Amino acid sequence: VITIVLGMAGGEFFDRVREKSYEPATVPGLAACIAAPLVAYHYGAQWLGLVTFFAFAACAVTYIGARSLESNPMPNMAISMLGIVWIGILGAHGAAIVGLSNIPFVSADGIPLSVGTDTLAVLAVAVVANDVGALFVGSAVGKSPLRAWISPNKSIEGFVGGTLTTLGAMVLVGITGRSDTWNSTGDLLLLGLVVAFTAPIGDLTESMFKRNLDVKDFGSIIKGHGGLLDRFDGFLFAMPATYYLVSALQPWVTK
């Protein structure tokens, strides 16, 4: 599912920038967006550097093979690598999280754990809680723009509301015991803080790019809500942060 979403999101990105007179290396770009999550799942996030190298080399060869400088290689290669890194490499960490389930982890009580899928589920709860909290609080009492030139509707009050909602959702996960991997309220709150900061950065980054390109949405696959990239932008920053957090904390060890 992650591979399909990233491939389609990459297609939305390259189609949109092409409409704005860029000439991205679409084939290497899409190949990288699809290959990155597959590599991360089967071999781990440490191999994403190799994917980045091959993608960069493929883009370089694409423009080296052009007939003249009119191909505008520098900005077009830059926009190609932007899509690859932003969507393919960052998003591939979601597959790396799922890939953790291939490793035989056990809890402190000796119970086998599916760390990857469990962590991805908790991450999804956190990101959705953050979006919902920011939307409702921002709509109700939002008066101070977070970054007015990027998105006037995103407010500081909404950011605070999203943070509190995310932390509340993580406490609820801990109280109900829905996660065998994240069994410490302290670890869950730390995850909540990480998501509360990274998900809005992902959202603002995508809004910034749309403002720069002068487009409303990157796609239209979801009627009234834009494309996949418009819906999953917060995950693109939250997934790498969560992957390295879970790798460092190993929360299933904490009682």
Protein backbone atom coordinates (compact mmCIF):
# COMPACT_ATOMS: atom_id res chain seq x y z
CA VAL A 1 0.00 0.00 0.00
CA ILE A 2 2.81 2.42 0.88
CA THR A 3 4.55 1.69 -2.44
CA ILE A 4 1.34 2.33 -4.41
CA VAL A 5 0.64 5.58 -2.54
CA LEU A 6 4.19 6.87 -3.06
CA GLY A 7 4.17 5.92 -6.73
CA MET A 8 0.87 7.71 -7.32
CA ALA A 9 1.96 10.73 -5.25
CA GLY A 10 5.16 10.91 -7.29
CA GLY A 11 3.07 10.85 -10.46
CA GLU A 12 0.96 13.75 -9.15
CA PHE A 13 4.10 15.76 -8.36
CA PHE A 14 5.81 15.22 -11.71
CA ASP A 15 2.60 15.89 -13.65
CA ARG A 16 2.00 19.14 -11.80
CA VAL A 17 5.52 20.55 -12.18
CA ARG A 18 5.42 19.62 -15.88
CA GLU A 19 2.30 21.76 -16.19
CA LYS A 20 4.37 24.64 -14.79
CA SER A 21 6.94 24.41 -17.61
CA TYR A 22 9.50 22.22 -15.83
CA GLU A 23 10.82 19.14 -17.61
CA PRO A 24 11.53 16.64 -14.82
CA ALA A 25 13.16 13.26 -15.36
CA THR A 26 9.82 11.54 -14.83
CA VAL A 27 10.82 7.94 -15.54
CA PRO A 28 13.83 7.88 -13.13
CA GLY A 29 11.77 9.88 -10.64
CA LEU A 30 8.84 7.49 -10.59
CA ALA A 31 11.18 4.48 -10.58
CA ALA A 32 12.91 5.87 -7.49
CA CYS A 33 9.60 6.62 -5.70
CA ILE A 34 8.55 3.01 -6.26
CA ALA A 35 11.93 1.37 -5.63
CA ALA A 36 12.70 3.27 -2.41
CA PRO A 37 9.92 1.75 -0.24
CA LEU A 38 10.59 -1.74 -1.63
CA VAL A 39 14.27 -1.45 -0.77
CA ALA A 40 13.52 0.01 2.67
CA TYR A 41 11.08 -2.80 3.47
CA HIS A 42 13.30 -5.68 2.35
CA TYR A 43 16.75 -4.37 3.28
CA GLY A 44 16.26 -1.49 5.74
CA ALA A 45 16.46 2.30 5.65
CA GLN A 46 20.28 2.17 5.61
CA TRP A 47 20.09 1.27 1.89
CA LEU A 48 18.14 4.38 0.91
CA GLY A 49 21.42 6.19 0.31
CA LEU A 50 22.12 3.76 -2.54
CA VAL A 51 18.65 4.44 -4.00
CA THR A 52 19.38 8.17 -3.86
CA PHE A 53 22.71 7.66 -5.64
CA PHE A 54 21.18 5.59 -8.45
CA ALA A 55 18.32 8.08 -8.82
CA PHE A 56 20.71 11.04 -8.99
CA ALA A 57 22.88 9.23 -11.54
CA ALA A 58 19.85 8.30 -13.65
CA CYS A 59 18.63 11.90 -13.64
CA ALA A 60 22.12 13.13 -14.56
CA VAL A 61 22.35 10.71 -17.49
CA THR A 62 18.89 11.83 -18.64
CA TYR A 63 20.04 15.42 -19.04
CA ILE A 64 23.53 14.56 -20.24
CA GLY A 65 21.76 12.80 -23.10
CA ALA A 66 19.81 15.94 -24.01
CA ARG A 67 20.64 17.70 -27.27
CA SER A 68 21.58 21.09 -25.87
CA LEU A 69 21.63 23.41 -22.88
CA GLU A 70 18.05 24.30 -23.75
CA SER A 71 17.07 21.26 -21.70
CA ASN A 72 17.76 23.53 -18.71
CA PRO A 73 19.48 20.71 -16.80
CA MET A 74 20.16 22.34 -13.44
CA PRO A 75 16.62 23.45 -12.45
CA ASN A 76 15.03 20.39 -14.06
CA MET A 77 17.38 18.00 -12.30
CA ALA A 78 16.81 19.90 -9.06
CA ILE A 79 13.02 19.60 -9.36
CA SER A 80 13.39 15.90 -10.19
CA MET A 81 15.50 15.24 -7.10
CA LEU A 82 13.10 17.28 -4.97
CA GLY A 83 10.30 14.88 -5.85
CA ILE A 84 12.51 11.83 -5.33
CA VAL A 85 13.79 12.86 -1.90
CA TRP A 86 10.59 14.44 -0.61
CA ILE A 87 8.21 11.69 -1.71
CA GLY A 88 10.32 8.60 -2.42
CA ILE A 89 13.07 8.72 0.22
CA LEU A 90 11.13 10.29 3.08
CA GLY A 91 8.04 8.21 2.35
CA ALA A 92 10.09 5.01 2.11
CA HIS A 93 10.65 5.20 5.86
CA GLY A 94 7.02 4.13 6.22
CA ALA A 95 7.95 0.87 4.49
CA ALA A 96 11.03 0.65 6.69
CA ILE A 97 8.74 0.89 9.73
CA VAL A 98 6.57 -1.95 8.40
CA GLY A 99 9.74 -3.92 7.66
CA LEU A 100 10.53 -3.98 11.37
CA SER A 101 7.81 -6.62 11.65
CA ASN A 102 10.13 -8.98 9.75
CA ILE A 103 12.51 -8.92 12.73
CA PRO A 104 11.60 -11.33 15.57
CA PHE A 105 11.19 -8.89 18.46
CA VAL A 106 9.73 -10.06 21.75
CA SER A 107 8.32 -8.09 24.67
CA ALA A 108 9.77 -8.04 28.18
CA ASP A 109 7.31 -10.85 28.94
CA GLY A 110 8.55 -12.95 26.02
CA ILE A 111 5.53 -12.25 23.80
CA PRO A 112 6.29 -12.06 20.02
CA LEU A 113 5.69 -8.55 18.68
CA SER A 114 4.81 -7.12 15.28
CA VAL A 115 6.74 -3.92 15.90
CA GLY A 116 6.41 -2.47 12.41
CA THR A 117 2.68 -2.69 11.78
CA ASP A 118 1.97 -1.80 15.41
CA THR A 119 4.11 1.33 15.21
CA LEU A 120 2.62 2.38 11.88
CA ALA A 121 -0.88 2.05 13.34
CA VAL A 122 0.01 4.20 16.36
CA LEU A 123 1.68 6.74 14.04
CA ALA A 124 -1.47 6.92 11.91
CA VAL A 125 -3.57 7.60 15.02
CA ALA A 126 -1.17 10.37 16.04
CA VAL A 127 -1.14 12.08 12.62
CA VAL A 128 -4.92 11.91 12.22
CA ALA A 129 -5.41 13.26 15.76
CA ASN A 130 -3.03 16.09 14.97
CA ASP A 131 -4.89 17.01 11.76
CA VAL A 132 -8.31 16.85 13.41
CA GLY A 133 -7.24 18.81 16.49
CA ALA A 134 -5.54 21.52 14.43
CA LEU A 135 -8.57 21.82 12.14
CA PHE A 136 -11.21 22.12 14.86
CA VAL A 137 -9.25 24.35 17.24
CA GLY A 138 -7.97 26.50 14.40
CA SER A 139 -11.48 26.91 12.98
CA ALA A 140 -12.93 27.73 16.41
CA VAL A 141 -10.39 30.12 17.92
CA GLY A 142 -7.55 30.50 15.40
CA LYS A 143 -6.51 34.15 15.03
CA SER A 144 -2.70 34.15 14.79
CA PRO A 145 -1.38 32.84 11.43
CA LEU A 146 1.37 30.26 11.75
CA ARG A 147 2.94 31.29 8.43
CA ALA A 148 0.56 33.67 6.69
CA TRP A 149 2.44 33.76 3.37
CA ILE A 150 2.22 29.98 3.08
CA SER A 151 -1.27 29.24 4.40
CA PRO A 152 -3.39 31.94 6.08
CA ASN A 153 -5.78 29.32 7.47
CA LYS A 154 -3.11 27.56 9.57
CA SER A 155 -2.88 29.22 12.97
CA ILE A 156 -0.72 29.06 16.07
CA GLU A 157 -3.85 28.19 18.05
CA GLY A 158 -4.50 25.32 15.66
CA PHE A 159 -0.92 24.11 16.08
CA VAL A 160 -1.32 24.11 19.88
CA GLY A 161 -4.69 22.37 19.58
CA GLY A 162 -3.21 19.74 17.29
CA THR A 163 -0.34 19.14 19.70
CA LEU A 164 -2.68 18.68 22.68
CA THR A 165 -4.97 16.39 20.69
CA THR A 166 -2.03 14.27 19.57
CA LEU A 167 -0.74 13.91 23.12
CA GLY A 168 -4.25 13.06 24.31
CA ALA A 169 -4.58 10.38 21.65
CA MET A 170 -1.26 8.85 22.71
CA VAL A 171 -2.32 8.81 26.37
CA LEU A 172 -5.55 7.09 25.30
CA VAL A 173 -3.55 4.46 23.37
CA GLY A 174 -1.50 3.83 26.51
CA ILE A 175 -4.50 3.66 28.86
CA THR A 176 -6.45 1.26 26.66
CA GLY A 177 -3.39 -0.95 26.10
CA ARG A 178 -3.98 -1.05 22.34
CA SER A 179 -0.27 -1.28 21.58
CA ASP A 180 2.04 -4.09 22.68
CA THR A 181 5.06 -2.26 21.26
CA TRP A 182 4.47 1.15 22.83
CA ASN A 183 3.76 0.05 26.39
CA SER A 184 5.09 3.13 28.21
CA THR A 185 3.06 6.34 28.47
CA GLY A 186 6.32 8.30 28.51
CA ASP A 187 7.42 6.77 25.19
CA LEU A 188 3.99 7.40 23.70
CA LEU A 189 4.08 11.05 24.77
CA LEU A 190 7.52 11.40 23.19
CA LEU A 191 6.15 9.91 19.97
CA GLY A 192 3.22 12.32 20.21
CA LEU A 193 5.57 15.30 20.51
CA VAL A 194 7.61 14.13 17.53
CA VAL A 195 4.48 13.79 15.39
CA ALA A 196 3.05 17.09 16.68
CA PHE A 197 6.11 18.92 15.32
CA THR A 198 6.93 16.92 12.18
CA ALA A 199 3.42 16.46 10.74
CA PRO A 200 2.74 20.24 10.59
CA ILE A 201 6.16 20.75 8.98
CA GLY A 202 5.17 18.24 6.31
CA ASP A 203 1.85 20.03 5.82
CA LEU A 204 3.47 23.46 5.60
CA THR A 205 6.14 22.19 3.21
CA GLU A 206 3.53 20.89 0.79
CA SER A 207 1.51 24.13 1.11
CA MET A 208 4.68 26.14 0.44
CA PHE A 209 5.38 24.18 -2.74
CA LYS A 210 1.77 24.63 -3.90
CA ARG A 211 1.96 28.35 -3.23
CA ASN A 212 5.23 28.55 -5.20
CA LEU A 213 3.67 26.66 -8.13
CA ASP A 214 0.41 28.62 -7.81
CA VAL A 215 -1.80 25.52 -7.66
CA LYS A 216 -4.62 24.58 -5.29
CA ASP A 217 -3.83 20.87 -5.09
CA PHE A 218 -1.26 18.46 -6.47
CA GLY A 219 -3.94 16.01 -7.60
CA SER A 220 -7.66 15.37 -7.78
CA ILE A 221 -8.03 11.66 -7.07
CA ILE A 222 -10.01 12.35 -3.86
CA LYS A 223 -12.96 14.51 -4.85
CA GLY A 224 -13.01 17.73 -2.86
CA HIS A 225 -9.78 16.91 -1.03
CA GLY A 226 -7.09 16.95 -3.72
CA GLY A 227 -4.71 14.10 -4.43
CA LEU A 228 -2.83 11.52 -2.41
CA LEU A 229 0.08 13.91 -1.90
CA ASP A 230 -2.31 16.48 -0.47
CA ARG A 231 -3.68 13.94 2.03
CA PHE A 232 -0.45 12.25 3.13
CA ASP A 233 1.88 15.27 3.30
CA GLY A 234 2.13 15.16 7.11
CA PHE A 235 3.21 11.52 7.01
CA LEU A 236 6.22 12.30 4.80
CA PHE A 237 8.02 14.02 7.67
CA ALA A 238 6.47 12.04 10.53
CA MET A 239 7.46 8.61 9.18
CA PRO A 240 11.26 9.15 9.09
CA ALA A 241 11.17 10.76 12.53
CA THR A 242 9.13 7.86 13.92
CA TYR A 243 11.38 5.24 12.32
CA TYR A 244 14.50 6.65 13.97
CA LEU A 245 12.65 7.24 17.24
CA VAL A 246 11.46 3.63 17.50
CA SER A 247 14.92 2.39 16.50
CA ALA A 248 16.52 4.46 19.26
CA LEU A 249 13.94 3.95 22.00
CA GLN A 250 13.04 0.30 21.42
CA PRO A 251 9.80 1.03 23.35
CA TRP A 252 8.76 -2.63 23.61
CA VAL A 253 11.59 -3.12 26.13
CA THR A 254 10.19 -0.45 28.48
CA LYS A 255 7.70 -1.64 31.07
